[in-house]
Amino acid sequence: MINLFILVDQPDVVLEAGYTVVRIYSDTSPTGTFSTLVGTATIVSGNESVQFLDVTGSSTTWYKTAYYGTTPGEGQKSDAFQGDTSATYASVLELRRFSN
C-alpha cells in the first residue's frame, strides 16, 4: 500500500484552467509507458495538495500524475516518482507552521 502526497501548484489557477482532478498513473519502471490509471484525486480550491492511497502499490511502484478536466482534457504528465509506505504525511500548513 502506497500513500501519495501530490502537490498542486496554485490550485485556483489550475481549477480556472478547467482541470478538476489529478490522474495517477503507475508503472514498474521510471522509464515505463505509465498507461495504467490507478485512480484520481479531486483538486480543491485553496488546497495545495491532494492525497491518494494506492492499495495495490508497493515500494517498487513508480508514478506519474497529470491534471485532467473535461475541457481542456489531460495535461502533461509529471516526472516519474515513487510513493511512500507511510500512513500519514504532514499537511502543507503543518509544515509551514513548523518551519516558522
PDB file of N, CA and C in Angstrom:
ATOM      1  N   MET A   1       0.854  -1.168   0.000  1.00  0.00           N
ATOM      2  CA  MET A   1       0.000   0.000   0.000  1.00  0.00           C
ATOM      3  C   MET A   1       0.905   1.237   0.000  1.00  0.00           C
ATOM      4  N   ILE A   2       0.617   2.174  -0.897  1.00  0.00           N
ATOM      5  CA  ILE A   2       1.435   3.379  -1.050  1.00  0.00           C
ATOM      6  C   ILE A   2       0.577   4.615  -0.853  1.00  0.00           C
ATOM      7  N   ASN A   3       1.083   5.522  -0.032  1.00  0.00           N
ATOM      8  CA  ASN A   3       0.423   6.789   0.246  1.00  0.00           C
ATOM      9  C   ASN A   3       1.094   7.867  -0.600  1.00  0.00           C
ATOM     10  N   LEU A   4       0.335   8.510  -1.485  1.00  0.00           N
ATOM     11  CA  LEU A   4       0.879   9.558  -2.335  1.00  0.00           C
ATOM     12  C   LEU A   4       0.412  10.918  -1.847  1.00  0.00           C
ATOM     13  N   PHE A   5       1.337  11.823  -1.734  1.00  0.00           N
ATOM     14  CA  PHE A   5       1.073  13.201  -1.358  1.00  0.00           C
ATOM     15  C   PHE A   5       1.479  14.037  -2.563  1.00  0.00           C
ATOM     16  N   ILE A   6       0.494  14.598  -3.276  1.00  0.00           N
ATOM     17  CA  ILE A   6       0.733  15.257  -4.554  1.00  0.00           C
ATOM     18  C   ILE A   6       0.483  16.754  -4.406  1.00  0.00           C
ATOM     19  N   LEU A   7       1.514  17.543  -4.696  1.00  0.00           N
ATOM     20  CA  LEU A   7       1.380  18.996  -4.622  1.00  0.00           C
ATOM     21  C   LEU A   7       0.612  19.521  -5.827  1.00  0.00           C
ATOM     22  N   VAL A   8      -0.258  20.496  -5.584  1.00  0.00           N
ATOM     23  CA  VAL A   8      -1.000  21.176  -6.646  1.00  0.00           C
ATOM     24  C   VAL A   8      -0.582  22.639  -6.585  1.00  0.00           C
ATOM     25  N   ASP A   9       0.266  23.040  -7.521  1.00  0.00           N
ATOM     26  CA  ASP A   9       0.773  24.408  -7.544  1.00  0.00           C
ATOM     27  C   ASP A   9      -0.332  25.351  -8.006  1.00  0.00           C
ATOM     28  N   GLN A  10      -0.661  26.324  -7.201  1.00  0.00           N
ATOM     29  CA  GLN A  10      -1.698  27.319  -7.482  1.00  0.00           C
ATOM     30  C   GLN A  10      -3.029  26.654  -7.865  1.00  0.00           C
ATOM     31  N   PRO A  11      -3.658  25.976  -6.911  1.00  0.00           N
ATOM     32  CA  PRO A  11      -4.870  25.197  -7.212  1.00  0.00           C
ATOM     33  C   PRO A  11      -5.988  26.024  -7.841  1.00  0.00           C
ATOM     34  N   ASP A  12      -6.148  27.276  -7.446  1.00  0.00           N
ATOM     35  CA  ASP A  12      -7.222  28.083  -8.029  1.00  0.00           C
ATOM     36  C   ASP A  12      -6.957  28.381  -9.503  1.00  0.00           C
ATOM     37  N   VAL A  13      -5.706  28.584  -9.871  1.00  0.00           N
ATOM     38  CA  VAL A  13      -5.348  28.796 -11.277  1.00  0.00           C
ATOM     39  C   VAL A  13      -5.592  27.517 -12.072  1.00  0.00           C
ATOM     40  N   VAL A  14      -5.236  26.378 -11.478  1.00  0.00           N
ATOM     41  CA  VAL A  14      -5.446  25.081 -12.122  1.00  0.00           C
ATOM     42  C   VAL A  14      -6.941  24.846 -12.356  1.00  0.00           C
ATOM     43  N   LEU A  15      -7.754  25.151 -11.344  1.00  0.00           N
ATOM     44  CA  LEU A  15      -9.209  24.985 -11.479  1.00  0.00           C
ATOM     45  C   LEU A  15      -9.778  25.935 -12.527  1.00  0.00           C
ATOM     46  N   GLU A  16      -9.315  27.171 -12.556  1.00  0.00           N
ATOM     47  CA  GLU A  16      -9.788  28.139 -13.554  1.00  0.00           C
ATOM     48  C   GLU A  16      -9.452  27.696 -14.974  1.00  0.00           C
ATOM     49  N   ALA A  17      -8.365  26.950 -15.134  1.00  0.00           N
ATOM     50  CA  ALA A  17      -7.979  26.443 -16.452  1.00  0.00           C
ATOM     51  C   ALA A  17      -8.864  25.275 -16.895  1.00  0.00           C
ATOM     52  N   GLY A  18      -9.722  24.772 -15.992  1.00  0.00           N
ATOM     53  CA  GLY A  18     -10.650  23.704 -16.339  1.00  0.00           C
ATOM     54  C   GLY A  18     -10.286  22.331 -15.813  1.00  0.00           C
ATOM     55  N   TYR A  19      -9.144  22.222 -15.130  1.00  0.00           N
ATOM     56  CA  TYR A  19      -8.747  20.936 -14.560  1.00  0.00           C
ATOM     57  C   TYR A  19      -9.460  20.739 -13.222  1.00  0.00           C
ATOM     58  N   THR A  20      -9.987  19.536 -13.006  1.00  0.00           N
ATOM     59  CA  THR A  20     -10.740  19.269 -11.776  1.00  0.00           C
ATOM     60  C   THR A  20     -10.163  18.133 -10.934  1.00  0.00           C
ATOM     61  N   VAL A  21      -9.358  17.280 -11.547  1.00  0.00           N
ATOM     62  CA  VAL A  21      -8.773  16.146 -10.823  1.00  0.00           C
ATOM     63  C   VAL A  21      -7.316  15.967 -11.217  1.00  0.00           C
ATOM     64  N   VAL A  22      -6.613  15.228 -10.370  1.00  0.00           N
ATOM     65  CA  VAL A  22      -5.270  14.751 -10.695  1.00  0.00           C
ATOM     66  C   VAL A  22      -5.416  13.270 -11.013  1.00  0.00           C
ATOM     67  N   ARG A  23      -4.987  12.878 -12.199  1.00  0.00           N
ATOM     68  CA  ARG A  23      -4.969  11.460 -12.555  1.00  0.00           C
ATOM     69  C   ARG A  23      -3.643  10.872 -12.109  1.00  0.00           C
ATOM     70  N   ILE A  24      -3.693   9.651 -11.548  1.00  0.00           N
ATOM     71  CA  ILE A  24      -2.496   8.992 -11.063  1.00  0.00           C
ATOM     72  C   ILE A  24      -2.268   7.721 -11.890  1.00  0.00           C
ATOM     73  N   TYR A  25      -1.093   7.649 -12.519  1.00  0.00           N
ATOM     74  CA  TYR A  25      -0.708   6.510 -13.342  1.00  0.00           C
ATOM     75  C   TYR A  25       0.435   5.764 -12.670  1.00  0.00           C
ATOM     76  N   SER A  26       0.521   4.458 -12.905  1.00  0.00           N
ATOM     77  CA  SER A  26       1.615   3.683 -12.315  1.00  0.00           C
ATOM     78  C   SER A  26       2.313   2.841 -13.374  1.00  0.00           C
ATOM     79  N   ASP A  27       3.532   2.435 -13.015  1.00  0.00           N
ATOM     80  CA  ASP A  27       4.318   1.539 -13.855  1.00  0.00           C
ATOM     81  C   ASP A  27       5.366   0.877 -12.962  1.00  0.00           C
ATOM     82  N   THR A  28       6.068  -0.098 -13.503  1.00  0.00           N
ATOM     83  CA  THR A  28       7.079  -0.825 -12.730  1.00  0.00           C
ATOM     84  C   THR A  28       8.475  -0.251 -12.908  1.00  0.00           C
ATOM     85  N   SER A  29       8.623   0.757 -13.756  1.00  0.00           N
ATOM     86  CA  SER A  29       9.922   1.343 -14.063  1.00  0.00           C
ATOM     87  C   SER A  29       9.767   2.844 -14.276  1.00  0.00           C
ATOM     88  N   PRO A  30      10.760   3.651 -13.922  1.00  0.00           N
ATOM     89  CA  PRO A  30      10.649   5.093 -14.146  1.00  0.00           C
ATOM     90  C   PRO A  30      10.638   5.471 -15.627  1.00  0.00           C
ATOM     91  N   THR A  31      11.003   4.540 -16.492  1.00  0.00           N
ATOM     92  CA  THR A  31      11.001   4.801 -17.937  1.00  0.00           C
ATOM     93  C   THR A  31       9.850   4.091 -18.653  1.00  0.00           C
ATOM     94  N   GLY A  32       8.881   3.589 -17.893  1.00  0.00           N
ATOM     95  CA  GLY A  32       7.751   2.858 -18.468  1.00  0.00           C
ATOM     96  C   GLY A  32       6.791   3.761 -19.234  1.00  0.00           C
ATOM     97  N   THR A  33       5.711   3.181 -19.710  1.00  0.00           N
ATOM     98  CA  THR A  33       4.721   3.920 -20.509  1.00  0.00           C
ATOM     99  C   THR A  33       3.698   4.676 -19.655  1.00  0.00           C
ATOM    100  N   PHE A  34       3.532   4.270 -18.410  1.00  0.00           N
ATOM    101  CA  PHE A  34       2.580   4.892 -17.480  1.00  0.00           C
ATOM    102  C   PHE A  34       1.185   5.003 -18.112  1.00  0.00           C
ATOM    103  N   SER A  35       0.708   3.872 -18.622  1.00  0.00           N
ATOM    104  CA  SER A  35      -0.614   3.820 -19.227  1.00  0.00           C
ATOM    105  C   SER A  35      -1.675   3.265 -18.282  1.00  0.00           C
ATOM    106  N   THR A  36      -1.269   2.775 -17.121  1.00  0.00           N
ATOM    107  CA  THR A  36      -2.210   2.217 -16.154  1.00  0.00           C
ATOM    108  C   THR A  36      -2.702   3.314 -15.211  1.00  0.00           C
ATOM    109  N   LEU A  37      -3.973   3.674 -15.351  1.00  0.00           N
ATOM    110  CA  LEU A  37      -4.591   4.669 -14.472  1.00  0.00           C
ATOM    111  C   LEU A  37      -5.022   3.962 -13.196  1.00  0.00           C
ATOM    112  N   VAL A  38      -4.425   4.352 -12.058  1.00  0.00           N
ATOM    113  CA  VAL A  38      -4.767   3.700 -10.797  1.00  0.00           C
ATOM    114  C   VAL A  38      -5.799   4.478  -9.997  1.00  0.00           C
ATOM    115  N   GLY A  39      -6.072   5.722 -10.395  1.00  0.00           N
ATOM    116  CA  GLY A  39      -7.090   6.495  -9.695  1.00  0.00           C
ATOM    117  C   GLY A  39      -6.982   7.978  -9.959  1.00  0.00           C
ATOM    118  N   THR A  40      -7.852   8.716  -9.286  1.00  0.00           N
ATOM    119  CA  THR A  40      -7.869  10.170  -9.394  1.00  0.00           C
ATOM    120  C   THR A  40      -8.033  10.768  -8.004  1.00  0.00           C
ATOM    121  N   ALA A  41      -7.643  12.027  -7.886  1.00  0.00           N
ATOM    122  CA  ALA A  41      -7.842  12.785  -6.655  1.00  0.00           C
ATOM    123  C   ALA A  41      -8.402  14.146  -7.052  1.00  0.00           C
ATOM    124  N   THR A  42      -9.441  14.585  -6.373  1.00  0.00           N
ATOM    125  CA  THR A  42     -10.112  15.832  -6.702  1.00  0.00           C
ATOM    126  C   THR A  42      -9.297  17.035  -6.236  1.00  0.00           C
ATOM    127  N   ILE A  43      -9.159  18.008  -7.122  1.00  0.00           N
ATOM    128  CA  ILE A  43      -8.478  19.260  -6.785  1.00  0.00           C
ATOM    129  C   ILE A  43      -9.485  20.158  -6.074  1.00  0.00           C
ATOM    130  N   VAL A  44      -9.098  20.712  -4.927  1.00  0.00           N
ATOM    131  CA  VAL A  44      -9.988  21.546  -4.122  1.00  0.00           C
ATOM    132  C   VAL A  44      -9.407  22.958  -4.047  1.00  0.00           C
ATOM    133  N   SER A  45     -10.257  23.936  -4.270  1.00  0.00           N
ATOM    134  CA  SER A  45      -9.840  25.336  -4.220  1.00  0.00           C
ATOM    135  C   SER A  45      -9.137  25.641  -2.898  1.00  0.00           C
ATOM    136  N   GLY A  46      -7.961  26.261  -2.981  1.00  0.00           N
ATOM    137  CA  GLY A  46      -7.211  26.643  -1.790  1.00  0.00           C
ATOM    138  C   GLY A  46      -6.351  25.553  -1.189  1.00  0.00           C
ATOM    139  N   ASN A  47      -6.518  24.302  -1.613  1.00  0.00           N
ATOM    140  CA  ASN A  47      -5.703  23.201  -1.089  1.00  0.00           C
ATOM    141  C   ASN A  47      -4.519  22.966  -2.017  1.00  0.00           C
ATOM    142  N   GLU A  48      -3.325  23.112  -1.492  1.00  0.00           N
ATOM    143  CA  GLU A  48      -2.124  22.987  -2.309  1.00  0.00           C
ATOM    144  C   GLU A  48      -1.624  21.554  -2.431  1.00  0.00           C
ATOM    145  N   SER A  49      -2.449  20.603  -2.048  1.00  0.00           N
ATOM    146  CA  SER A  49      -2.057  19.207  -2.184  1.00  0.00           C
ATOM    147  C   SER A  49      -3.291  18.319  -2.205  1.00  0.00           C
ATOM    148  N   VAL A  50      -3.095  17.133  -2.748  1.00  0.00           N
ATOM    149  CA  VAL A  50      -4.110  16.076  -2.693  1.00  0.00           C
ATOM    150  C   VAL A  50      -3.410  14.818  -2.211  1.00  0.00           C
ATOM    151  N   GLN A  51      -4.173  13.934  -1.627  1.00  0.00           N
ATOM    152  CA  GLN A  51      -3.621  12.683  -1.129  1.00  0.00           C
ATOM    153  C   GLN A  51      -4.349  11.535  -1.808  1.00  0.00           C
ATOM    154  N   PHE A  52      -3.598  10.488  -2.128  1.00  0.00           N
ATOM    155  CA  PHE A  52      -4.167   9.312  -2.773  1.00  0.00           C
ATOM    156  C   PHE A  52      -3.510   8.072  -2.181  1.00  0.00           C
ATOM    157  N   LEU A  53      -4.309   7.085  -1.854  1.00  0.00           N
ATOM    158  CA  LEU A  53      -3.814   5.828  -1.301  1.00  0.00           C
ATOM    159  C   LEU A  53      -3.951   4.743  -2.373  1.00  0.00           C
ATOM    160  N   ASP A  54      -2.822   4.230  -2.824  1.00  0.00           N
ATOM    161  CA  ASP A  54      -2.807   3.150  -3.810  1.00  0.00           C
ATOM    162  C   ASP A  54      -2.689   1.829  -3.056  1.00  0.00           C
ATOM    163  N   VAL A  55      -3.810   1.135  -2.901  1.00  0.00           N
ATOM    164  CA  VAL A  55      -3.823  -0.103  -2.110  1.00  0.00           C
ATOM    165  C   VAL A  55      -3.106  -1.248  -2.810  1.00  0.00           C
ATOM    166  N   THR A  56      -2.874  -1.140  -4.115  1.00  0.00           N
ATOM    167  CA  THR A  56      -2.169  -2.203  -4.840  1.00  0.00           C
ATOM    168  C   THR A  56      -0.705  -1.857  -5.084  1.00  0.00           C
ATOM    169  N   GLY A  57      -0.272  -0.653  -4.719  1.00  0.00           N
ATOM    170  CA  GLY A  57       1.102  -0.233  -4.943  1.00  0.00           C
ATOM    171  C   GLY A  57       2.074  -0.851  -3.958  1.00  0.00           C
ATOM    172  N   SER A  58       3.350  -0.850  -4.332  1.00  0.00           N
ATOM    173  CA  SER A  58       4.401  -1.362  -3.458  1.00  0.00           C
ATOM    174  C   SER A  58       5.605  -0.425  -3.538  1.00  0.00           C
ATOM    175  N   SER A  59       6.645  -0.753  -2.797  1.00  0.00           N
ATOM    176  CA  SER A  59       7.831   0.100  -2.767  1.00  0.00           C
ATOM    177  C   SER A  59       8.564   0.143  -4.108  1.00  0.00           C
ATOM    178  N   THR A  60       8.205  -0.742  -5.034  1.00  0.00           N
ATOM    179  CA  THR A  60       8.828  -0.739  -6.361  1.00  0.00           C
ATOM    180  C   THR A  60       7.952  -0.084  -7.427  1.00  0.00           C
ATOM    181  N   THR A  61       6.788   0.422  -7.039  1.00  0.00           N
ATOM    182  CA  THR A  61       5.875   1.058  -7.984  1.00  0.00           C
ATOM    183  C   THR A  61       6.320   2.491  -8.266  1.00  0.00           C
ATOM    184  N   TRP A  62       6.267   2.873  -9.529  1.00  0.00           N
ATOM    185  CA  TRP A  62       6.577   4.239  -9.958  1.00  0.00           C
ATOM    186  C   TRP A  62       5.286   4.917 -10.391  1.00  0.00           C
ATOM    187  N   TYR A  63       5.222   6.245 -10.231  1.00  0.00           N
ATOM    188  CA  TYR A  63       4.007   7.003 -10.532  1.00  0.00           C
ATOM    189  C   TYR A  63       4.311   8.228 -11.384  1.00  0.00           C
ATOM    190  N   LYS A  64       3.311   8.620 -12.154  1.00  0.00           N
ATOM    191  CA  LYS A  64       3.269   9.922 -12.815  1.00  0.00           C
ATOM    192  C   LYS A  64       1.857  10.450 -12.613  1.00  0.00           C
ATOM    193  N   THR A  65       1.735  11.768 -12.554  1.00  0.00           N
ATOM    194  CA  THR A  65       0.414  12.381 -12.402  1.00  0.00           C
ATOM    195  C   THR A  65       0.179  13.367 -13.533  1.00  0.00           C
ATOM    196  N   ALA A  66      -1.097  13.670 -13.754  1.00  0.00           N
ATOM    197  CA  ALA A  66      -1.470  14.664 -14.756  1.00  0.00           C
ATOM    198  C   ALA A  66      -2.792  15.301 -14.346  1.00  0.00           C
ATOM    199  N   TYR A  67      -2.896  16.604 -14.543  1.00  0.00           N
ATOM    200  CA  TYR A  67      -4.174  17.277 -14.319  1.00  0.00           C
ATOM    201  C   TYR A  67      -5.138  16.854 -15.415  1.00  0.00           C
ATOM    202  N   TYR A  68      -6.434  16.770 -15.059  1.00  0.00           N
ATOM    203  CA  TYR A  68      -7.448  16.409 -16.049  1.00  0.00           C
ATOM    204  C   TYR A  68      -8.735  17.181 -15.784  1.00  0.00           C
ATOM    205  N   GLY A  69      -9.373  17.594 -16.859  1.00  0.00           N
ATOM    206  CA  GLY A  69     -10.705  18.196 -16.814  1.00  0.00           C
ATOM    207  C   GLY A  69     -11.400  17.889 -18.125  1.00  0.00           C
ATOM    208  N   THR A  70     -12.724  17.817 -18.109  1.00  0.00           N
ATOM    209  CA  THR A  70     -13.462  17.515 -19.334  1.00  0.00           C
ATOM    210  C   THR A  70     -12.998  18.427 -20.461  1.00  0.00           C
ATOM    211  N   THR A  71     -12.864  19.699 -20.154  1.00  0.00           N
ATOM    212  CA  THR A  71     -12.227  20.667 -21.052  1.00  0.00           C
ATOM    213  C   THR A  71     -11.197  21.364 -20.198  1.00  0.00           C
ATOM    214  N   PRO A  72      -9.983  21.230 -20.453  1.00  0.00           N
ATOM    215  CA  PRO A  72      -9.216  21.021 -21.688  1.00  0.00           C
ATOM    216  C   PRO A  72      -8.711  19.604 -21.934  1.00  0.00           C
ATOM    217  N   GLY A  73      -9.146  18.607 -21.174  1.00  0.00           N
ATOM    218  CA  GLY A  73      -8.625  17.247 -21.324  1.00  0.00           C
ATOM    219  C   GLY A  73      -7.490  17.004 -20.346  1.00  0.00           C
ATOM    220  N   GLU A  74      -6.529  16.180 -20.761  1.00  0.00           N
ATOM    221  CA  GLU A  74      -5.418  15.847 -19.868  1.00  0.00           C
ATOM    222  C   GLU A  74      -4.207  16.728 -20.149  1.00  0.00           C
ATOM    223  N   GLY A  75      -3.604  17.208 -19.073  1.00  0.00           N
ATOM    224  CA  GLY A  75      -2.373  17.985 -19.183  1.00  0.00           C
ATOM    225  C   GLY A  75      -1.171  17.064 -19.293  1.00  0.00           C
ATOM    226  N   GLN A  76      -0.010  17.664 -19.276  1.00  0.00           N
ATOM    227  CA  GLN A  76       1.241  16.925 -19.384  1.00  0.00           C
ATOM    228  C   GLN A  76       1.495  16.109 -18.116  1.00  0.00           C
ATOM    229  N   LYS A  77       2.013  14.894 -18.291  1.00  0.00           N
ATOM    230  CA  LYS A  77       2.334  14.049 -17.145  1.00  0.00           C
ATOM    231  C   LYS A  77       3.587  14.569 -16.442  1.00  0.00           C
ATOM    232  N   SER A  78       3.614  14.355 -15.138  1.00  0.00           N
ATOM    233  CA  SER A  78       4.757  14.756 -14.313  1.00  0.00           C
ATOM    234  C   SER A  78       5.951  13.843 -14.573  1.00  0.00           C
ATOM    235  N   ASP A  79       7.062  14.175 -13.957  1.00  0.00           N
ATOM    236  CA  ASP A  79       8.205  13.270 -13.936  1.00  0.00           C
ATOM    237  C   ASP A  79       7.843  12.065 -13.074  1.00  0.00           C
ATOM    238  N   ALA A  80       8.500  10.959 -13.302  1.00  0.00           N
ATOM    239  CA  ALA A  80       8.251   9.744 -12.525  1.00  0.00           C
ATOM    240  C   ALA A  80       8.771   9.906 -11.098  1.00  0.00           C
ATOM    241  N   PHE A  81       8.029   9.333 -10.161  1.00  0.00           N
ATOM    242  CA  PHE A  81       8.429   9.363  -8.753  1.00  0.00           C
ATOM    243  C   PHE A  81       7.895   8.119  -8.057  1.00  0.00           C
ATOM    244  N   GLN A  82       8.457   7.833  -6.890  1.00  0.00           N
ATOM    245  CA  GLN A  82       7.965   6.721  -6.089  1.00  0.00           C
ATOM    246  C   GLN A  82       7.241   7.264  -4.879  1.00  0.00           C
ATOM    247  N   GLY A  83       6.262   6.502  -4.384  1.00  0.00           N
ATOM    248  CA  GLY A  83       5.487   6.897  -3.224  1.00  0.00           C
ATOM    249  C   GLY A  83       6.143   6.445  -1.936  1.00  0.00           C
ATOM    250  N   ASP A  84       5.370   6.508  -0.878  1.00  0.00           N
ATOM    251  CA  ASP A  84       5.865   6.173   0.449  1.00  0.00           C
ATOM    252  C   ASP A  84       4.906   5.193   1.089  1.00  0.00           C
ATOM    253  N   THR A  85       5.436   4.293   1.869  1.00  0.00           N
ATOM    254  CA  THR A  85       4.588   3.331   2.569  1.00  0.00           C
ATOM    255  C   THR A  85       4.083   3.888   3.892  1.00  0.00           C
ATOM    256  N   SER A  86       4.428   5.124   4.228  1.00  0.00           N
ATOM    257  CA  SER A  86       3.951   5.745   5.466  1.00  0.00           C
ATOM    258  C   SER A  86       2.443   5.920   5.418  1.00  0.00           C
ATOM    259  N   ALA A  87       1.827   5.857   6.558  1.00  0.00           N
ATOM    260  CA  ALA A  87       0.371   6.004   6.634  1.00  0.00           C
ATOM    261  C   ALA A  87      -0.067   7.458   6.623  1.00  0.00           C
ATOM    262  N   THR A  88       0.809   8.371   7.044  1.00  0.00           N
ATOM    263  CA  THR A  88       0.402   9.769   7.113  1.00  0.00           C
ATOM    264  C   THR A  88       1.528  10.692   6.678  1.00  0.00           C
ATOM    265  N   TYR A  89       1.124  11.900   6.335  1.00  0.00           N
ATOM    266  CA  TYR A  89       2.045  12.969   5.984  1.00  0.00           C
ATOM    267  C   TYR A  89       1.618  14.215   6.744  1.00  0.00           C
ATOM    268  N   ALA A  90       2.544  15.121   6.901  1.00  0.00           N
ATOM    269  CA  ALA A  90       2.173  16.435   7.431  1.00  0.00           C
ATOM    270  C   ALA A  90       1.565  17.232   6.281  1.00  0.00           C
ATOM    271  N   SER A  91       0.558  18.032   6.582  1.00  0.00           N
ATOM    272  CA  SER A  91      -0.031  18.880   5.552  1.00  0.00           C
ATOM    273  C   SER A  91       0.911  20.037   5.260  1.00  0.00           C
ATOM    274  N   VAL A  92       0.676  20.722   4.159  1.00  0.00           N
ATOM    275  CA  VAL A  92       1.485  21.884   3.807  1.00  0.00           C
ATOM    276  C   VAL A  92       1.405  22.928   4.915  1.00  0.00           C
ATOM    277  N   LEU A  93       0.209  23.148   5.440  1.00  0.00           N
ATOM    278  CA  LEU A  93       0.048  24.126   6.513  1.00  0.00           C
ATOM    279  C   LEU A  93       0.815  23.714   7.762  1.00  0.00           C
ATOM    280  N   GLU A  94       0.801  22.416   8.092  1.00  0.00           N
ATOM    281  CA  GLU A  94       1.559  21.938   9.246  1.00  0.00           C
ATOM    282  C   GLU A  94       3.055  22.156   9.043  1.00  0.00           C
ATOM    283  N   LEU A  95       3.534  21.908   7.844  1.00  0.00           N
ATOM    284  CA  LEU A  95       4.956  22.130   7.538  1.00  0.00           C
ATOM    285  C   LEU A  95       5.310  23.597   7.646  1.00  0.00           C
ATOM    286  N   ARG A  96       4.438  24.468   7.148  1.00  0.00           N
ATOM    287  CA  ARG A  96       4.692  25.909   7.230  1.00  0.00           C
ATOM    288  C   ARG A  96       4.719  26.373   8.674  1.00  0.00           C
ATOM    289  N   ARG A  97       3.778  25.905   9.477  1.00  0.00           N
ATOM    290  CA  ARG A  97       3.754  26.272  10.889  1.00  0.00           C
ATOM    291  C   ARG A  97       5.016  25.804  11.591  1.00  0.00           C
ATOM    292  N   PHE A  98       5.447  24.590  11.275  1.00  0.00           N
ATOM    293  CA  PHE A  98       6.640  24.032  11.895  1.00  0.00           C
ATOM    294  C   PHE A  98       7.888  24.820  11.504  1.00  0.00           C
ATOM    295  N   SER A  99       7.961  25.238  10.228  1.00  0.00           N
ATOM    296  CA  SER A  99       9.144  25.959   9.749  1.00  0.00           C
ATOM    297  C   SER A  99       9.205  27.390  10.251  1.00  0.00           C
ATOM    298  N   ASN A 100       8.064  27.944  10.644  1.00  0.00           N
ATOM    299  CA  ASN A 100       8.047  29.314  11.182  1.00  0.00           C
ATOM    300  C   ASN A 100       8.414  29.245  12.625  1.00  0.00           C
TER     301      ASN A 100
END
